[in-house]
Amino acid sequence: MLRKITRAGSIALVLVAGTLGALALRPGTPPVAPGVLFPGAMIDRPTLHLFERSCQNCHSENTAWPWYSRIPPASWIIAKDIREARSHVNLSNWNSYSAERQRDLLTQIGSVARTGRMPPSRYTFLHQEAVLTTRERQLI
C-alpha cells in the first residue's frame, strides 16, 4: 500500500515539475497594443467589422489572448501562429506600408478570404464567431 502511495506521489511530482518547467520555458507572447485597424485607410464600417471579428486576433496588435494561451504547448503554438500572421500583415501598422504594398496586401487578403484559406479552420474551430459566410467573403 505504501509503495502505491509513493509511486503515485512520484508521478504527481514529476508532472508538477514538468508543467512548471514548461511554463518557465514558455516563449514570450507577441505584444498587444489595442488600437485602430487600418489606420489612415478609408474602409467602410461593415467591412471593418468583419476584420475585427475574423482577422484582428492574429493579424493585429488587438489580440485577445484566450485562457488556454497560457498553457504549454498551446501557448507556444498560438504565439508562433500570431508572430507568423503578423509577419504577413499587421493591420495595426497599416499606415507603415507603402501605397503599393497596401494594394498588394488588399489583393492577397481578398484572395485568401474568398478562397476560404483565411481564417484557418484550426482557428475557427475554437472561434466560431470568426467564421465568414460566403457573402462576407465576397465583401472582403
C-alpha atoms as a PDB file:
ATOM      1  CA  MET A   1       0.000   0.000   0.000  1.00  0.00           C
ATOM      2  CA  LEU A   2       2.800   2.399   0.922  1.00  0.00           C
ATOM      3  CA  ARG A   3       4.509   1.575  -2.406  1.00  0.00           C
ATOM      4  CA  LYS A   4       1.378   2.616  -4.342  1.00  0.00           C
ATOM      5  CA  ILE A   5       1.184   5.924  -2.467  1.00  0.00           C
ATOM      6  CA  THR A   6       4.892   6.581  -3.005  1.00  0.00           C
ATOM      7  CA  ARG A   7       4.608   5.741  -6.706  1.00  0.00           C
ATOM      8  CA  ALA A   8       1.542   7.973  -7.160  1.00  0.00           C
ATOM      9  CA  GLY A   9       3.326  10.784  -5.302  1.00  0.00           C
ATOM     10  CA  SER A  10       6.388  10.399  -7.505  1.00  0.00           C
ATOM     11  CA  ILE A  11       4.284  10.556 -10.664  1.00  0.00           C
ATOM     12  CA  ALA A  12       2.453  13.633  -9.400  1.00  0.00           C
ATOM     13  CA  LEU A  13       5.753  15.312  -8.512  1.00  0.00           C
ATOM     14  CA  VAL A  14       7.163  14.630 -11.990  1.00  0.00           C
ATOM     15  CA  LEU A  15       4.009  16.017 -13.621  1.00  0.00           C
ATOM     16  CA  VAL A  16       4.054  19.181 -11.495  1.00  0.00           C
ATOM     17  CA  ALA A  17       7.778  19.704 -12.103  1.00  0.00           C
ATOM     18  CA  GLY A  18       7.314  19.145 -15.830  1.00  0.00           C
ATOM     19  CA  THR A  19       4.456  21.631 -16.008  1.00  0.00           C
ATOM     20  CA  LEU A  20       6.383  24.258 -14.056  1.00  0.00           C
ATOM     21  CA  GLY A  21       9.406  23.710 -16.273  1.00  0.00           C
ATOM     22  CA  ALA A  22       7.307  24.086 -19.410  1.00  0.00           C
ATOM     23  CA  LEU A  23       5.807  27.301 -18.063  1.00  0.00           C
ATOM     24  CA  ALA A  24       9.263  28.665 -17.312  1.00  0.00           C
ATOM     25  CA  LEU A  25      10.407  27.884 -20.867  1.00  0.00           C
ATOM     26  CA  ARG A  26       7.333  29.461 -22.411  1.00  0.00           C
ATOM     27  CA  PRO A  27       8.325  31.943 -25.096  1.00  0.00           C
ATOM     28  CA  GLY A  28       7.039  35.485 -24.732  1.00  0.00           C
ATOM     29  CA  THR A  29       3.777  36.277 -26.393  1.00  0.00           C
ATOM     30  CA  PRO A  30       3.704  38.863 -29.176  1.00  0.00           C
ATOM     31  CA  PRO A  31       2.907  42.357 -27.875  1.00  0.00           C
ATOM     32  CA  VAL A  32      -0.613  43.676 -27.544  1.00  0.00           C
ATOM     33  CA  ALA A  33      -1.390  47.344 -28.149  1.00  0.00           C
ATOM     34  CA  PRO A  34      -5.115  47.797 -28.749  1.00  0.00           C
ATOM     35  CA  GLY A  35      -5.841  50.365 -31.392  1.00  0.00           C
ATOM     36  CA  VAL A  36      -7.469  51.051 -34.703  1.00  0.00           C
ATOM     37  CA  LEU A  37      -7.235  48.598 -37.587  1.00  0.00           C
ATOM     38  CA  PHE A  38      -6.162  50.025 -40.937  1.00  0.00           C
ATOM     39  CA  PRO A  39      -5.036  53.399 -39.502  1.00  0.00           C
ATOM     40  CA  GLY A  40      -5.105  56.007 -42.228  1.00  0.00           C
ATOM     41  CA  ALA A  41      -7.222  53.868 -44.581  1.00  0.00           C
ATOM     42  CA  MET A  42     -10.738  54.597 -45.746  1.00  0.00           C
ATOM     43  CA  ILE A  43     -12.687  51.416 -45.068  1.00  0.00           C
ATOM     44  CA  ASP A  44     -16.435  51.100 -44.603  1.00  0.00           C
ATOM     45  CA  ARG A  45     -17.753  50.103 -41.173  1.00  0.00           C
ATOM     46  CA  PRO A  46     -19.320  46.724 -42.194  1.00  0.00           C
ATOM     47  CA  THR A  47     -16.061  45.539 -43.776  1.00  0.00           C
ATOM     48  CA  LEU A  48     -14.029  46.813 -40.842  1.00  0.00           C
ATOM     49  CA  HIS A  49     -16.312  44.836 -38.517  1.00  0.00           C
ATOM     50  CA  LEU A  50     -15.522  41.648 -40.489  1.00  0.00           C
ATOM     51  CA  PHE A  51     -11.795  42.242 -39.986  1.00  0.00           C
ATOM     52  CA  GLU A  52     -12.318  42.941 -36.287  1.00  0.00           C
ATOM     53  CA  ARG A  53     -14.326  39.748 -35.883  1.00  0.00           C
ATOM     54  CA  SER A  54     -12.285  37.372 -38.025  1.00  0.00           C
ATOM     55  CA  CYS A  55      -8.768  38.746 -38.530  1.00  0.00           C
ATOM     56  CA  GLN A  56      -7.569  41.041 -35.767  1.00  0.00           C
ATOM     57  CA  ASN A  57      -6.734  38.386 -33.176  1.00  0.00           C
ATOM     58  CA  CYS A  58      -3.803  37.206 -35.284  1.00  0.00           C
ATOM     59  CA  HIS A  59      -3.180  39.978 -37.805  1.00  0.00           C
ATOM     60  CA  SER A  60      -3.044  42.995 -35.476  1.00  0.00           C
ATOM     61  CA  GLU A  61      -1.912  44.041 -32.043  1.00  0.00           C
ATOM     62  CA  ASN A  62      -5.520  43.836 -30.802  1.00  0.00           C
ATOM     63  CA  THR A  63      -5.059  40.195 -29.784  1.00  0.00           C
ATOM     64  CA  ALA A  64      -7.432  38.842 -27.153  1.00  0.00           C
ATOM     65  CA  TRP A  65      -5.427  36.032 -25.534  1.00  0.00           C
ATOM     66  CA  PRO A  66      -7.708  33.117 -24.531  1.00  0.00           C
ATOM     67  CA  TRP A  67      -7.179  31.307 -21.224  1.00  0.00           C
ATOM     68  CA  TYR A  68      -5.578  28.301 -22.938  1.00  0.00           C
ATOM     69  CA  SER A  69      -2.902  30.563 -24.477  1.00  0.00           C
ATOM     70  CA  ARG A  70      -1.111  30.459 -21.116  1.00  0.00           C
ATOM     71  CA  ILE A  71      -0.726  26.673 -21.048  1.00  0.00           C
ATOM     72  CA  PRO A  72       2.124  24.935 -22.906  1.00  0.00           C
ATOM     73  CA  PRO A  73       2.234  23.613 -25.543  1.00  0.00           C
ATOM     74  CA  ALA A  74      -0.848  25.564 -26.716  1.00  0.00           C
ATOM     75  CA  SER A  75       0.874  28.808 -25.700  1.00  0.00           C
ATOM     76  CA  TRP A  76       3.848  28.020 -27.947  1.00  0.00           C
ATOM     77  CA  ILE A  77       1.671  27.161 -30.942  1.00  0.00           C
ATOM     78  CA  ILE A  78      -0.533  30.245 -30.551  1.00  0.00           C
ATOM     79  CA  ALA A  79       2.403  32.630 -30.087  1.00  0.00           C
ATOM     80  CA  LYS A  80       4.119  31.162 -33.176  1.00  0.00           C
ATOM     81  CA  ASP A  81       0.938  31.433 -35.262  1.00  0.00           C
ATOM     82  CA  ILE A  82       0.409  35.069 -34.252  1.00  0.00           C
ATOM     83  CA  ARG A  83       4.029  36.033 -34.948  1.00  0.00           C
ATOM     84  CA  GLU A  84       3.771  34.391 -38.364  1.00  0.00           C
ATOM     85  CA  ALA A  85       0.406  36.040 -39.112  1.00  0.00           C
ATOM     86  CA  ARG A  86       1.725  39.486 -38.184  1.00  0.00           C
ATOM     87  CA  SER A  87       4.791  38.916 -40.369  1.00  0.00           C
ATOM     88  CA  HIS A  88       2.435  38.575 -43.366  1.00  0.00           C
ATOM     89  CA  VAL A  89       0.326  41.610 -42.471  1.00  0.00           C
ATOM     90  CA  ASN A  90      -0.200  43.605 -39.294  1.00  0.00           C
ATOM     91  CA  LEU A  91      -3.410  45.597 -39.650  1.00  0.00           C
ATOM     92  CA  SER A  92      -2.400  47.792 -36.697  1.00  0.00           C
ATOM     93  CA  ASN A  93       0.565  49.057 -38.732  1.00  0.00           C
ATOM     94  CA  TRP A  94      -1.329  49.593 -41.995  1.00  0.00           C
ATOM     95  CA  ASN A  95      -0.115  53.166 -42.433  1.00  0.00           C
ATOM     96  CA  SER A  96       3.524  51.993 -42.301  1.00  0.00           C
ATOM     97  CA  TYR A  97       3.108  50.110 -45.611  1.00  0.00           C
ATOM     98  CA  SER A  98       3.690  51.925 -48.900  1.00  0.00           C
ATOM     99  CA  ALA A  99       0.657  52.547 -51.133  1.00  0.00           C
ATOM    100  CA  GLU A 100       1.899  49.841 -53.500  1.00  0.00           C
ATOM    101  CA  ARG A 101       2.349  47.345 -50.648  1.00  0.00           C
ATOM    102  CA  GLN A 102      -1.150  48.187 -49.334  1.00  0.00           C
ATOM    103  CA  ARG A 103      -2.651  47.418 -52.773  1.00  0.00           C
ATOM    104  CA  ASP A 104      -0.742  44.119 -52.920  1.00  0.00           C
ATOM    105  CA  LEU A 105      -1.863  43.195 -49.408  1.00  0.00           C
ATOM    106  CA  LEU A 106      -5.501  44.027 -50.180  1.00  0.00           C
ATOM    107  CA  THR A 107      -5.340  41.786 -53.250  1.00  0.00           C
ATOM    108  CA  GLN A 108      -3.828  38.952 -51.203  1.00  0.00           C
ATOM    109  CA  ILE A 109      -6.331  39.426 -48.350  1.00  0.00           C
ATOM    110  CA  GLY A 110      -9.256  39.298 -50.773  1.00  0.00           C
ATOM    111  CA  SER A 111      -7.865  36.191 -52.429  1.00  0.00           C
ATOM    112  CA  VAL A 112      -7.302  34.191 -49.231  1.00  0.00           C
ATOM    113  CA  ALA A 113     -10.668  35.261 -47.798  1.00  0.00           C
ATOM    114  CA  ARG A 114     -12.650  34.412 -50.942  1.00  0.00           C
ATOM    115  CA  THR A 115     -10.955  31.009 -51.332  1.00  0.00           C
ATOM    116  CA  GLY A 116     -11.562  30.129 -47.668  1.00  0.00           C
ATOM    117  CA  ARG A 117      -7.885  29.876 -46.696  1.00  0.00           C
ATOM    118  CA  MET A 118      -8.438  32.575 -44.070  1.00  0.00           C
ATOM    119  CA  PRO A 119      -9.384  32.423 -41.339  1.00  0.00           C
ATOM    120  CA  PRO A 120      -7.908  28.922 -40.992  1.00  0.00           C
ATOM    121  CA  SER A 121     -10.137  26.093 -39.828  1.00  0.00           C
ATOM    122  CA  ARG A 122      -7.957  25.369 -36.773  1.00  0.00           C
ATOM    123  CA  TYR A 123      -8.758  28.917 -35.615  1.00  0.00           C
ATOM    124  CA  THR A 124     -12.477  28.902 -36.452  1.00  0.00           C
ATOM    125  CA  PHE A 125     -12.856  25.522 -34.734  1.00  0.00           C
ATOM    126  CA  LEU A 126     -12.334  27.307 -31.395  1.00  0.00           C
ATOM    127  CA  HIS A 127     -13.636  30.724 -32.508  1.00  0.00           C
ATOM    128  CA  GLN A 128     -16.938  30.096 -34.263  1.00  0.00           C
ATOM    129  CA  GLU A 129     -17.662  33.838 -34.340  1.00  0.00           C
ATOM    130  CA  ALA A 130     -14.772  34.254 -36.807  1.00  0.00           C
ATOM    131  CA  VAL A 131     -16.372  32.060 -39.492  1.00  0.00           C
ATOM    132  CA  LEU A 132     -17.132  34.105 -42.608  1.00  0.00           C
ATOM    133  CA  THR A 133     -20.227  33.463 -44.691  1.00  0.00           C
ATOM    134  CA  THR A 134     -19.970  33.305 -48.479  1.00  0.00           C
ATOM    135  CA  ARG A 135     -21.419  36.815 -48.702  1.00  0.00           C
ATOM    136  CA  GLU A 136     -18.931  38.135 -46.127  1.00  0.00           C
ATOM    137  CA  ARG A 137     -16.039  36.538 -48.010  1.00  0.00           C
ATOM    138  CA  GLN A 138     -17.145  38.409 -51.145  1.00  0.00           C
ATOM    139  CA  LEU A 139     -17.276  41.713 -49.229  1.00  0.00           C
ATOM    140  CA  ILE A 140     -13.635  41.321 -48.262  1.00  0.00           C
END
